[in-house]
Amino acid sequence: MSGRARVVFFGSPTCAVPSLRALCEWGADIVYVVTQPARGRKRGRRDIPTPVACEAASRGIRVLSPSKVNQILPQIQESRSDAGVIVAYGQIIPKEMIEIFRNGILNLHFSLLPRWRGAAPVQRAILAGDTTTGVCTMLIDEGLDTGPVLECEATQIEPRERAGELEARLAEIGARLVIRSLEAILEGTARPKPQPADGVTYAPPLKREECQIDWSKSAFDIERLVRAAHPSPCAFTYLRGKLIKIHRAFAISEASLPEWGRQPGKSPGDVVVDENGQLRVVCGDGILVLEEVQPEGKRVMLAREFLRGVRMSNTIRLGTS
């Protein structure tokens, strides 16, 4: 089928923009873009449209931003669209909306289903220590990411890849998958397969309270938290009562350190500066080397830069608020 299919696109964050662009380049007739309402990001600032709304506006596409998606049922009904496409929209699509589209609604999900159903599959995959993830296209139903799957594409998670970086990479892979799957649906060659009952896991949003670092844990667990929580909500700790966000760090085992580099007598959370100026934090098992941090009320900076402004003493310990 030619790219002049009439499509309604549902999406909100930056990771949905590549799929919207791919649909436009394919030649789809985007009847509406449905996105979350504009919201204020900082106190006293005007409301900011979603990245998808900005992309749609730049292309002259009509944008709908309902607080509840069922408010736009009449407009969608009148659009006589061939299909819907949804990428990280941010609201549950009701059955009445799904039934409007004669070819259903195609959803791009950022995991290899049925693993990591839910809102935060990229973050949860990194936090769990997964080495492989991917994207899937599926036809949505009334469940939470339970619909039949059309196509999947796997990729390795790079050892130090953070959630935002991985999500951006998956968004580009997924955009290509969206076009292939939509073409198959419209041409009648798609063969959706039910998801297996085994291997189901869930990916709830990463809450801020999960992101406070417990220095008694393994350095490798803490490194995964730092990667999973970036760029938001961001892993954090405290120094002398002041919050510090950790943007980039890596773990090393004490066994891999030369004898002079080990930290006898130190406790979890204790900070050690080595002869090269590296900021190391003792963990329950291993050492976490901090690379980029953000002190409360300040910009992101290199750990070495941060050290210049810290009053050094015999013991600096992170973790107490």
C-alpha atoms as a PDB file:
ATOM      1  CA  MET A   1       0.000   0.000   0.000  1.00  0.00           C
ATOM      2  CA  SER A   2       1.264   3.493  -0.734  1.00  0.00           C
ATOM      3  CA  GLY A   3       2.287   5.845   2.000  1.00  0.00           C
ATOM      4  CA  ARG A   4      -0.891   7.929   1.677  1.00  0.00           C
ATOM      5  CA  ALA A   5      -2.548   5.913   4.411  1.00  0.00           C
ATOM      6  CA  ARG A   6      -4.515   8.074   6.851  1.00  0.00           C
ATOM      7  CA  VAL A   7      -2.904   7.738  10.265  1.00  0.00           C
ATOM      8  CA  VAL A   8      -3.443   9.185  13.742  1.00  0.00           C
ATOM      9  CA  PHE A   9      -0.183   9.315  15.688  1.00  0.00           C
ATOM     10  CA  PHE A  10      -0.144   9.147  19.508  1.00  0.00           C
ATOM     11  CA  GLY A  11       3.110  10.096  21.225  1.00  0.00           C
ATOM     12  CA  SER A  12       4.692  12.559  23.630  1.00  0.00           C
ATOM     13  CA  PRO A  13       8.412  12.374  24.551  1.00  0.00           C
ATOM     14  CA  THR A  14      11.551  12.713  22.473  1.00  0.00           C
ATOM     15  CA  CYS A  15      11.778   8.956  21.868  1.00  0.00           C
ATOM     16  CA  ALA A  16       8.520   9.129  19.860  1.00  0.00           C
ATOM     17  CA  VAL A  17       9.794  11.781  17.438  1.00  0.00           C
ATOM     18  CA  PRO A  18      11.813   9.421  15.165  1.00  0.00           C
ATOM     19  CA  SER A  19       8.687   7.351  14.465  1.00  0.00           C
ATOM     20  CA  LEU A  20       6.648  10.454  13.617  1.00  0.00           C
ATOM     21  CA  ARG A  21       9.394  11.623  11.263  1.00  0.00           C
ATOM     22  CA  ALA A  22       9.599   8.182   9.646  1.00  0.00           C
ATOM     23  CA  LEU A  23       5.839   8.179   8.999  1.00  0.00           C
ATOM     24  CA  CYS A  24       6.052  11.611   7.386  1.00  0.00           C
ATOM     25  CA  GLU A  25       8.984  10.561   5.194  1.00  0.00           C
ATOM     26  CA  TRP A  26       7.121   7.388   4.223  1.00  0.00           C
ATOM     27  CA  GLY A  27       4.319   9.620   3.013  1.00  0.00           C
ATOM     28  CA  ALA A  28       1.596   8.908   5.540  1.00  0.00           C
ATOM     29  CA  ASP A  29      -1.268  11.378   5.749  1.00  0.00           C
ATOM     30  CA  ILE A  30      -1.047  12.237   9.470  1.00  0.00           C
ATOM     31  CA  VAL A  31      -4.593  13.352  10.222  1.00  0.00           C
ATOM     32  CA  TYR A  32      -3.879  14.214  13.857  1.00  0.00           C
ATOM     33  CA  VAL A  33      -1.031  14.017  16.314  1.00  0.00           C
ATOM     34  CA  VAL A  34      -2.348  13.264  19.796  1.00  0.00           C
ATOM     35  CA  THR A  35       0.003  14.168  22.635  1.00  0.00           C
ATOM     36  CA  GLN A  36       0.050  15.029  26.309  1.00  0.00           C
ATOM     37  CA  PRO A  37      -0.917  18.588  27.311  1.00  0.00           C
ATOM     38  CA  ALA A  38       1.789  21.219  27.631  1.00  0.00           C
ATOM     39  CA  ARG A  39       3.053  21.476  31.173  1.00  0.00           C
ATOM     40  CA  GLY A  40       5.196  23.879  33.168  1.00  0.00           C
ATOM     41  CA  ARG A  41       8.703  22.549  33.746  1.00  0.00           C
ATOM     42  CA  LYS A  42       9.812  25.151  36.293  1.00  0.00           C
ATOM     43  CA  ARG A  43       8.039  27.453  38.691  1.00  0.00           C
ATOM     44  CA  GLY A  44       7.064  30.700  37.027  1.00  0.00           C
ATOM     45  CA  ARG A  45       7.719  29.453  33.493  1.00  0.00           C
ATOM     46  CA  ARG A  46       5.095  29.066  30.798  1.00  0.00           C
ATOM     47  CA  ASP A  47       3.827  25.621  29.865  1.00  0.00           C
ATOM     48  CA  ILE A  48       6.089  23.742  27.446  1.00  0.00           C
ATOM     49  CA  PRO A  49       4.648  21.550  24.647  1.00  0.00           C
ATOM     50  CA  THR A  50       5.850  17.962  24.335  1.00  0.00           C
ATOM     51  CA  PRO A  51       8.665  17.199  21.856  1.00  0.00           C
ATOM     52  CA  VAL A  52       6.108  15.430  19.644  1.00  0.00           C
ATOM     53  CA  ALA A  53       3.842  18.496  19.661  1.00  0.00           C
ATOM     54  CA  CYS A  54       6.795  20.664  18.597  1.00  0.00           C
ATOM     55  CA  GLU A  55       7.683  18.299  15.757  1.00  0.00           C
ATOM     56  CA  ALA A  56       4.074  18.159  14.573  1.00  0.00           C
ATOM     57  CA  ALA A  57       3.736  21.945  14.672  1.00  0.00           C
ATOM     58  CA  SER A  58       6.899  22.342  12.596  1.00  0.00           C
ATOM     59  CA  ARG A  59       5.314  20.122   9.940  1.00  0.00           C
ATOM     60  CA  GLY A  60       1.905  21.785  10.006  1.00  0.00           C
ATOM     61  CA  ILE A  61       0.137  18.737  11.456  1.00  0.00           C
ATOM     62  CA  ARG A  62      -2.943  19.289  13.585  1.00  0.00           C
ATOM     63  CA  VAL A  63      -2.263  18.580  17.278  1.00  0.00           C
ATOM     64  CA  LEU A  64      -4.744  17.389  19.903  1.00  0.00           C
ATOM     65  CA  SER A  65      -3.665  17.555  23.557  1.00  0.00           C
ATOM     66  CA  PRO A  66      -6.526  16.232  25.695  1.00  0.00           C
ATOM     67  CA  SER A  67      -6.107  15.809  29.433  1.00  0.00           C
ATOM     68  CA  LYS A  68      -8.008  12.529  28.960  1.00  0.00           C
ATOM     69  CA  VAL A  69      -7.829  10.773  25.618  1.00  0.00           C
ATOM     70  CA  ASN A  70     -11.535   9.821  25.578  1.00  0.00           C
ATOM     71  CA  GLN A  71     -12.333  13.535  25.226  1.00  0.00           C
ATOM     72  CA  ILE A  72     -11.318  13.375  21.544  1.00  0.00           C
ATOM     73  CA  LEU A  73     -13.339  10.303  20.557  1.00  0.00           C
ATOM     74  CA  PRO A  74     -15.597  12.364  18.224  1.00  0.00           C
ATOM     75  CA  GLN A  75     -12.670  13.870  16.289  1.00  0.00           C
ATOM     76  CA  ILE A  76     -10.979  10.493  15.898  1.00  0.00           C
ATOM     77  CA  GLN A  77     -14.251   8.915  14.814  1.00  0.00           C
ATOM     78  CA  GLU A  78     -14.708  11.574  12.131  1.00  0.00           C
ATOM     79  CA  SER A  79     -11.110  11.275  10.889  1.00  0.00           C
ATOM     80  CA  ARG A  80     -11.828   8.033   8.969  1.00  0.00           C
ATOM     81  CA  SER A  81      -8.252   6.942   9.569  1.00  0.00           C
ATOM     82  CA  ASP A  82      -6.796   3.669   8.338  1.00  0.00           C
ATOM     83  CA  ALA A  83      -4.755   3.015  11.471  1.00  0.00           C
ATOM     84  CA  GLY A  84      -3.362   4.480  14.646  1.00  0.00           C
ATOM     85  CA  VAL A  85       0.296   4.442  15.668  1.00  0.00           C
ATOM     86  CA  ILE A  86       1.301   4.912  19.289  1.00  0.00           C
ATOM     87  CA  VAL A  87       4.791   5.465  20.706  1.00  0.00           C
ATOM     88  CA  ALA A  88       5.147   6.371  24.389  1.00  0.00           C
ATOM     89  CA  TYR A  89       1.958   8.423  24.477  1.00  0.00           C
ATOM     90  CA  GLY A  90       1.480   8.351  28.245  1.00  0.00           C
ATOM     91  CA  GLN A  91      -2.208   7.438  28.579  1.00  0.00           C
ATOM     92  CA  ILE A  92      -4.110   4.158  28.376  1.00  0.00           C
ATOM     93  CA  ILE A  93      -6.116   3.950  25.147  1.00  0.00           C
ATOM     94  CA  PRO A  94      -9.722   2.877  25.871  1.00  0.00           C
ATOM     95  CA  LYS A  95     -11.466   0.092  23.982  1.00  0.00           C
ATOM     96  CA  GLU A  96     -13.818   2.606  22.303  1.00  0.00           C
ATOM     97  CA  MET A  97     -10.821   4.360  20.746  1.00  0.00           C
ATOM     98  CA  ILE A  98      -9.156   1.148  19.571  1.00  0.00           C
ATOM     99  CA  GLU A  99     -12.332   0.024  17.825  1.00  0.00           C
ATOM    100  CA  ILE A 100     -12.502   3.206  15.729  1.00  0.00           C
ATOM    101  CA  PHE A 101      -9.519   2.142  13.608  1.00  0.00           C
ATOM    102  CA  ARG A 102     -10.393  -0.556  11.089  1.00  0.00           C
ATOM    103  CA  ASN A 103      -6.769  -1.779  11.121  1.00  0.00           C
ATOM    104  CA  GLY A 104      -6.263  -1.281  14.846  1.00  0.00           C
ATOM    105  CA  ILE A 105      -3.558   0.694  16.615  1.00  0.00           C
ATOM    106  CA  LEU A 106       0.080  -0.245  16.136  1.00  0.00           C
ATOM    107  CA  ASN A 107       2.245   0.242  19.214  1.00  0.00           C
ATOM    108  CA  LEU A 108       6.047   0.461  19.405  1.00  0.00           C
ATOM    109  CA  HIS A 109       7.309  -0.915  22.718  1.00  0.00           C
ATOM    110  CA  PHE A 110      10.892  -0.536  23.959  1.00  0.00           C
ATOM    111  CA  SER A 111      11.586  -4.115  25.074  1.00  0.00           C
ATOM    112  CA  LEU A 112      11.444  -7.681  23.820  1.00  0.00           C
ATOM    113  CA  LEU A 113       7.953  -8.629  24.938  1.00  0.00           C
ATOM    114  CA  PRO A 114       6.719 -10.193  27.143  1.00  0.00           C
ATOM    115  CA  ARG A 115       9.722  -9.027  29.180  1.00  0.00           C
ATOM    116  CA  TRP A 116       9.297  -5.558  30.670  1.00  0.00           C
ATOM    117  CA  ARG A 117       5.697  -4.679  29.981  1.00  0.00           C
ATOM    118  CA  GLY A 118       4.855  -1.230  31.293  1.00  0.00           C
ATOM    119  CA  ALA A 119       6.054   2.353  31.397  1.00  0.00           C
ATOM    120  CA  ALA A 120       9.818   2.053  32.028  1.00  0.00           C
ATOM    121  CA  PRO A 121      11.193  -0.930  30.085  1.00  0.00           C
ATOM    122  CA  VAL A 122      14.558   0.671  29.261  1.00  0.00           C
ATOM    123  CA  GLN A 123      15.282   1.713  32.835  1.00  0.00           C
ATOM    124  CA  ARG A 124      14.223  -1.629  34.283  1.00  0.00           C
ATOM    125  CA  ALA A 125      16.270  -3.603  31.779  1.00  0.00           C
ATOM    126  CA  ILE A 126      19.443  -1.726  32.754  1.00  0.00           C
ATOM    127  CA  LEU A 127      18.660  -1.904  36.464  1.00  0.00           C
ATOM    128  CA  ALA A 128      18.159  -5.675  36.238  1.00  0.00           C
ATOM    129  CA  GLY A 129      21.509  -6.129  34.510  1.00  0.00           C
ATOM    130  CA  ASP A 130      20.065  -7.296  31.189  1.00  0.00           C
ATOM    131  CA  THR A 131      22.674  -7.481  28.440  1.00  0.00           C
ATOM    132  CA  THR A 132      20.165  -7.642  25.574  1.00  0.00           C
ATOM    133  CA  THR A 133      16.988  -5.694  24.873  1.00  0.00           C
ATOM    134  CA  GLY A 134      15.172  -4.465  21.784  1.00  0.00           C
ATOM    135  CA  VAL A 135      11.935  -3.132  20.374  1.00  0.00           C
ATOM    136  CA  CYS A 136       8.667  -4.763  19.388  1.00  0.00           C
ATOM    137  CA  THR A 137       5.679  -3.669  17.368  1.00  0.00           C
ATOM    138  CA  MET A 138       2.316  -4.958  18.502  1.00  0.00           C
ATOM    139  CA  LEU A 139      -1.395  -4.373  18.063  1.00  0.00           C
ATOM    140  CA  ILE A 140      -2.740  -2.921  21.283  1.00  0.00           C
ATOM    141  CA  ASP A 141      -5.620  -4.401  23.214  1.00  0.00           C
ATOM    142  CA  GLU A 142      -7.167  -3.437  26.546  1.00  0.00           C
ATOM    143  CA  GLY A 143      -4.339  -4.956  28.583  1.00  0.00           C
ATOM    144  CA  LEU A 144      -0.978  -3.497  29.605  1.00  0.00           C
ATOM    145  CA  ASP A 145       1.263  -4.291  26.627  1.00  0.00           C
ATOM    146  CA  THR A 146      -0.437  -7.654  26.202  1.00  0.00           C
ATOM    147  CA  GLY A 147      -1.409  -7.422  22.516  1.00  0.00           C
ATOM    148  CA  PRO A 148      -0.156  -9.705  19.739  1.00  0.00           C
ATOM    149  CA  VAL A 149       3.356  -8.980  18.476  1.00  0.00           C
ATOM    150  CA  LEU A 150       4.193  -8.305  14.831  1.00  0.00           C
ATOM    151  CA  GLU A 151       7.969  -7.778  14.729  1.00  0.00           C
ATOM    152  CA  CYS A 152      10.889  -7.583  17.134  1.00  0.00           C
ATOM    153  CA  GLU A 153      14.492  -6.472  16.755  1.00  0.00           C
ATOM    154  CA  ALA A 154      17.097  -7.176  19.423  1.00  0.00           C
ATOM    155  CA  THR A 155      20.219  -5.210  20.311  1.00  0.00           C
ATOM    156  CA  GLN A 156      22.987  -5.472  22.888  1.00  0.00           C
ATOM    157  CA  ILE A 157      23.021  -3.078  25.831  1.00  0.00           C
ATOM    158  CA  GLU A 158      26.462  -1.510  25.856  1.00  0.00           C
ATOM    159  CA  PRO A 159      28.357  -1.986  29.157  1.00  0.00           C
ATOM    160  CA  ARG A 160      28.221   1.686  30.175  1.00  0.00           C
ATOM    161  CA  GLU A 161      25.140   2.791  28.214  1.00  0.00           C
ATOM    162  CA  ARG A 162      22.713   4.956  30.175  1.00  0.00           C
ATOM    163  CA  ALA A 163      18.922   4.799  29.886  1.00  0.00           C
ATOM    164  CA  GLY A 164      18.554   7.986  27.852  1.00  0.00           C
ATOM    165  CA  GLU A 165      21.268   6.897  25.431  1.00  0.00           C
ATOM    166  CA  LEU A 166      19.804   3.418  24.993  1.00  0.00           C
ATOM    167  CA  GLU A 167      16.284   4.796  24.569  1.00  0.00           C
ATOM    168  CA  ALA A 168      17.467   7.152  21.805  1.00  0.00           C
ATOM    169  CA  ARG A 169      19.113   4.258  19.980  1.00  0.00           C
ATOM    170  CA  LEU A 170      16.026   2.058  20.334  1.00  0.00           C
ATOM    171  CA  ALA A 171      13.842   4.908  19.056  1.00  0.00           C
ATOM    172  CA  GLU A 172      15.745   4.929  15.747  1.00  0.00           C
ATOM    173  CA  ILE A 173      15.592   1.142  15.412  1.00  0.00           C
ATOM    174  CA  GLY A 174      11.907   1.220  16.286  1.00  0.00           C
ATOM    175  CA  ALA A 175      11.046   3.889  13.727  1.00  0.00           C
ATOM    176  CA  ARG A 176      12.114   1.543  10.923  1.00  0.00           C
ATOM    177  CA  LEU A 177      10.122  -1.276  12.512  1.00  0.00           C
ATOM    178  CA  VAL A 178       6.988   0.895  12.684  1.00  0.00           C
ATOM    179  CA  ILE A 179       7.031   1.487   8.926  1.00  0.00           C
ATOM    180  CA  ARG A 180       7.593  -2.193   8.078  1.00  0.00           C
ATOM    181  CA  SER A 181       4.838  -3.319  10.436  1.00  0.00           C
ATOM    182  CA  LEU A 182       2.365  -0.679   9.282  1.00  0.00           C
ATOM    183  CA  GLU A 183       2.966  -1.596   5.645  1.00  0.00           C
ATOM    184  CA  ALA A 184       2.294  -5.259   6.445  1.00  0.00           C
ATOM    185  CA  ILE A 185      -0.920  -4.399   8.300  1.00  0.00           C
ATOM    186  CA  LEU A 186      -2.269  -2.256   5.480  1.00  0.00           C
ATOM    187  CA  GLU A 187      -1.280  -4.789   2.802  1.00  0.00           C
ATOM    188  CA  GLY A 188      -2.909  -7.623   4.738  1.00  0.00           C
ATOM    189  CA  THR A 189       0.323  -9.616   5.125  1.00  0.00           C
ATOM    190  CA  ALA A 190       0.869  -9.047   8.864  1.00  0.00           C
ATOM    191  CA  ARG A 191       0.819 -12.152  11.065  1.00  0.00           C
ATOM    192  CA  PRO A 192       0.468 -11.013  14.686  1.00  0.00           C
ATOM    193  CA  LYS A 193       1.516 -13.653  17.217  1.00  0.00           C
ATOM    194  CA  PRO A 194       0.121 -13.900  20.757  1.00  0.00           C
ATOM    195  CA  GLN A 195       2.689 -13.260  23.469  1.00  0.00           C
ATOM    196  CA  PRO A 196       3.863 -16.337  25.393  1.00  0.00           C
ATOM    197  CA  ALA A 197       2.625 -16.783  28.936  1.00  0.00           C
ATOM    198  CA  ASP A 198       6.148 -17.449  30.210  1.00  0.00           C
ATOM    199  CA  GLY A 199       8.762 -14.764  30.779  1.00  0.00           C
ATOM    200  CA  VAL A 200       6.407 -11.907  31.665  1.00  0.00           C
ATOM    201  CA  THR A 201       7.954  -9.120  33.747  1.00  0.00           C
ATOM    202  CA  TYR A 202       6.712  -5.622  34.528  1.00  0.00           C
ATOM    203  CA  ALA A 203       8.423  -2.249  34.315  1.00  0.00           C
ATOM    204  CA  PRO A 204       6.786   0.344  36.584  1.00  0.00           C
ATOM    205  CA  PRO A 205       8.192   3.883  36.491  1.00  0.00           C
ATOM    206  CA  LEU A 206      11.395   4.352  38.443  1.00  0.00           C
ATOM    207  CA  LYS A 207      10.443   6.290  41.567  1.00  0.00           C
ATOM    208  CA  ARG A 208      12.651   8.945  43.100  1.00  0.00           C
ATOM    209  CA  GLU A 209      12.920   7.044  46.382  1.00  0.00           C
ATOM    210  CA  GLU A 210      14.433   4.090  44.496  1.00  0.00           C
ATOM    211  CA  CYS A 211      17.202   6.371  43.247  1.00  0.00           C
ATOM    212  CA  GLN A 212      18.815   7.238  46.581  1.00  0.00           C
ATOM    213  CA  ILE A 213      22.100   5.346  46.611  1.00  0.00           C
ATOM    214  CA  ASP A 214      22.643   2.737  49.329  1.00  0.00           C
ATOM    215  CA  TRP A 215      26.427   2.570  49.578  1.00  0.00           C
ATOM    216  CA  SER A 216      26.267  -0.767  51.412  1.00  0.00           C
ATOM    217  CA  LYS A 217      25.273  -2.390  48.103  1.00  0.00           C
ATOM    218  CA  SER A 218      27.635  -3.695  45.454  1.00  0.00           C
ATOM    219  CA  ALA A 219      29.379  -1.053  43.348  1.00  0.00           C
ATOM    220  CA  PHE A 220      28.115  -2.852  40.247  1.00  0.00           C
ATOM    221  CA  ASP A 221      24.500  -2.628  41.458  1.00  0.00           C
ATOM    222  CA  ILE A 222      24.977   1.087  42.145  1.00  0.00           C
ATOM    223  CA  GLU A 223      26.517   1.641  38.711  1.00  0.00           C
ATOM    224  CA  ARG A 224      23.427   0.054  37.110  1.00  0.00           C
ATOM    225  CA  LEU A 225      21.202   2.371  39.166  1.00  0.00           C
ATOM    226  CA  VAL A 226      23.178   5.416  37.983  1.00  0.00           C
ATOM    227  CA  ARG A 227      22.806   4.296  34.365  1.00  0.00           C
ATOM    228  CA  ALA A 228      19.125   3.333  34.696  1.00  0.00           C
ATOM    229  CA  ALA A 229      18.106   6.585  36.398  1.00  0.00           C
ATOM    230  CA  HIS A 230      19.775   8.897  33.878  1.00  0.00           C
ATOM    231  CA  PRO A 231      18.671  11.450  32.807  1.00  0.00           C
ATOM    232  CA  SER A 232      15.649  11.278  35.091  1.00  0.00           C
ATOM    233  CA  PRO A 233      14.939  10.929  37.981  1.00  0.00           C
ATOM    234  CA  CYS A 234      18.737  10.560  38.458  1.00  0.00           C
ATOM    235  CA  ALA A 235      20.564   8.624  41.172  1.00  0.00           C
ATOM    236  CA  PHE A 236      21.488  10.760  44.171  1.00  0.00           C
ATOM    237  CA  THR A 237      23.230  10.827  47.511  1.00  0.00           C
ATOM    238  CA  TYR A 238      24.067  13.434  50.162  1.00  0.00           C
ATOM    239  CA  LEU A 239      27.247  15.124  51.318  1.00  0.00           C
ATOM    240  CA  ARG A 240      27.073  17.069  54.565  1.00  0.00           C
ATOM    241  CA  GLY A 241      23.316  17.402  54.181  1.00  0.00           C
ATOM    242  CA  LYS A 242      23.421  18.633  50.573  1.00  0.00           C
ATOM    243  CA  LEU A 243      21.963  16.564  47.750  1.00  0.00           C
ATOM    244  CA  ILE A 244      24.296  15.437  44.970  1.00  0.00           C
ATOM    245  CA  LYS A 245      23.064  13.816  41.758  1.00  0.00           C
ATOM    246  CA  ILE A 246      25.349  11.232  40.159  1.00  0.00           C
ATOM    247  CA  HIS A 247      25.215  11.453  36.357  1.00  0.00           C
ATOM    248  CA  ARG A 248      28.043   9.139  35.356  1.00  0.00           C
ATOM    249  CA  ALA A 249      30.089   6.567  37.266  1.00  0.00           C
ATOM    250  CA  PHE A 250      31.683   3.159  36.858  1.00  0.00           C
ATOM    251  CA  ALA A 251      32.345   0.253  39.196  1.00  0.00           C
ATOM    252  CA  ILE A 252      35.569  -1.607  39.853  1.00  0.00           C
ATOM    253  CA  SER A 253      36.172  -4.577  42.117  1.00  0.00           C
ATOM    254  CA  GLU A 254      38.654  -4.187  44.927  1.00  0.00           C
ATOM    255  CA  ALA A 255      40.322  -7.389  43.783  1.00  0.00           C
ATOM    256  CA  SER A 256      41.224  -5.694  40.493  1.00  0.00           C
ATOM    257  CA  LEU A 257      43.024  -2.842  42.270  1.00  0.00           C
ATOM    258  CA  PRO A 258      46.751  -2.918  43.010  1.00  0.00           C
ATOM    259  CA  GLU A 259      47.616  -3.327  46.675  1.00  0.00           C
ATOM    260  CA  TRP A 260      48.122   0.422  47.174  1.00  0.00           C
ATOM    261  CA  GLY A 261      44.675   1.122  45.736  1.00  0.00           C
ATOM    262  CA  ARG A 262      42.681  -0.917  48.214  1.00  0.00           C
ATOM    263  CA  GLN A 263      40.849   0.767  51.054  1.00  0.00           C
ATOM    264  CA  PRO A 264      41.435  -1.038  54.370  1.00  0.00           C
ATOM    265  CA  GLY A 265      39.524   0.368  57.290  1.00  0.00           C
ATOM    266  CA  LYS A 266      37.087   2.316  55.109  1.00  0.00           C
ATOM    267  CA  SER A 267      33.293   2.028  55.362  1.00  0.00           C
ATOM    268  CA  PRO A 268      30.577   2.161  52.659  1.00  0.00           C
ATOM    269  CA  GLY A 269      30.107   5.761  51.548  1.00  0.00           C
ATOM    270  CA  ASP A 270      33.638   6.859  52.418  1.00  0.00           C
ATOM    271  CA  VAL A 271      35.277   8.965  49.713  1.00  0.00           C
ATOM    272  CA  VAL A 272      38.859   8.391  48.662  1.00  0.00           C
ATOM    273  CA  VAL A 273      40.748  10.538  46.172  1.00  0.00           C
ATOM    274  CA  ASP A 274      43.500   8.571  44.426  1.00  0.00           C
ATOM    275  CA  GLU A 275      46.830   9.826  43.168  1.00  0.00           C
ATOM    276  CA  ASN A 276      45.276  10.615  39.773  1.00  0.00           C
ATOM    277  CA  GLY A 277      42.530  12.753  41.288  1.00  0.00           C
ATOM    278  CA  GLN A 278      39.795  10.152  40.774  1.00  0.00           C
ATOM    279  CA  LEU A 279      36.917  10.386  43.223  1.00  0.00           C
ATOM    280  CA  ARG A 280      36.286   6.873  44.528  1.00  0.00           C
ATOM    281  CA  VAL A 281      33.496   5.806  46.863  1.00  0.00           C
ATOM    282  CA  VAL A 282      33.788   2.684  48.970  1.00  0.00           C
ATOM    283  CA  CYS A 283      30.763   0.384  48.563  1.00  0.00           C
ATOM    284  CA  GLY A 284      29.600  -2.760  50.351  1.00  0.00           C
ATOM    285  CA  ASP A 285      31.438  -4.662  47.656  1.00  0.00           C
ATOM    286  CA  GLY A 286      33.807  -2.876  45.286  1.00  0.00           C
ATOM    287  CA  ILE A 287      34.504   0.764  44.480  1.00  0.00           C
ATOM    288  CA  LEU A 288      32.414   3.265  42.529  1.00  0.00           C
ATOM    289  CA  VAL A 289      34.404   5.867  40.604  1.00  0.00           C
ATOM    290  CA  LEU A 290      32.403   9.071  40.146  1.00  0.00           C
ATOM    291  CA  GLU A 291      32.868  10.883  36.826  1.00  0.00           C
ATOM    292  CA  GLU A 292      30.056  13.457  36.533  1.00  0.00           C
ATOM    293  CA  VAL A 293      28.086  14.891  39.443  1.00  0.00           C
ATOM    294  CA  GLN A 294      25.661  17.721  40.080  1.00  0.00           C
ATOM    295  CA  PRO A 295      25.758  19.405  43.485  1.00  0.00           C
ATOM    296  CA  GLU A 296      22.482  20.820  44.757  1.00  0.00           C
ATOM    297  CA  GLY A 297      21.590  24.034  42.928  1.00  0.00           C
ATOM    298  CA  LYS A 298      24.498  23.787  40.501  1.00  0.00           C
ATOM    299  CA  ARG A 299      25.254  22.504  37.011  1.00  0.00           C
ATOM    300  CA  VAL A 300      26.562  19.080  36.035  1.00  0.00           C
ATOM    301  CA  MET A 301      30.348  18.965  36.399  1.00  0.00           C
ATOM    302  CA  LEU A 302      33.276  16.588  36.292  1.00  0.00           C
ATOM    303  CA  ALA A 303      34.002  14.942  39.625  1.00  0.00           C
ATOM    304  CA  ARG A 304      37.489  16.452  39.650  1.00  0.00           C
ATOM    305  CA  GLU A 305      35.984  19.906  39.235  1.00  0.00           C
ATOM    306  CA  PHE A 306      33.575  19.197  42.070  1.00  0.00           C
ATOM    307  CA  LEU A 307      36.467  18.225  44.346  1.00  0.00           C
ATOM    308  CA  ARG A 308      38.021  21.681  44.028  1.00  0.00           C
ATOM    309  CA  GLY A 309      35.069  23.157  45.874  1.00  0.00           C
ATOM    310  CA  VAL A 310      34.912  20.517  48.619  1.00  0.00           C
ATOM    311  CA  ARG A 311      36.513  21.172  51.993  1.00  0.00           C
ATOM    312  CA  MET A 312      38.630  18.066  52.420  1.00  0.00           C
ATOM    313  CA  SER A 313      39.018  16.304  55.757  1.00  0.00           C
ATOM    314  CA  ASN A 314      40.300  12.947  56.878  1.00  0.00           C
ATOM    315  CA  THR A 315      36.916  11.359  56.251  1.00  0.00           C
ATOM    316  CA  ILE A 316      34.335  12.416  53.713  1.00  0.00           C
ATOM    317  CA  ARG A 317      31.313  10.182  53.723  1.00  0.00           C
ATOM    318  CA  LEU A 318      28.411  10.223  51.296  1.00  0.00           C
ATOM    319  CA  GLY A 319      24.920   9.091  52.104  1.00  0.00           C
ATOM    320  CA  THR A 320      23.646  11.007  55.114  1.00  0.00           C
ATOM    321  CA  SER A 321      20.959  13.598  54.535  1.00  0.00           C
END
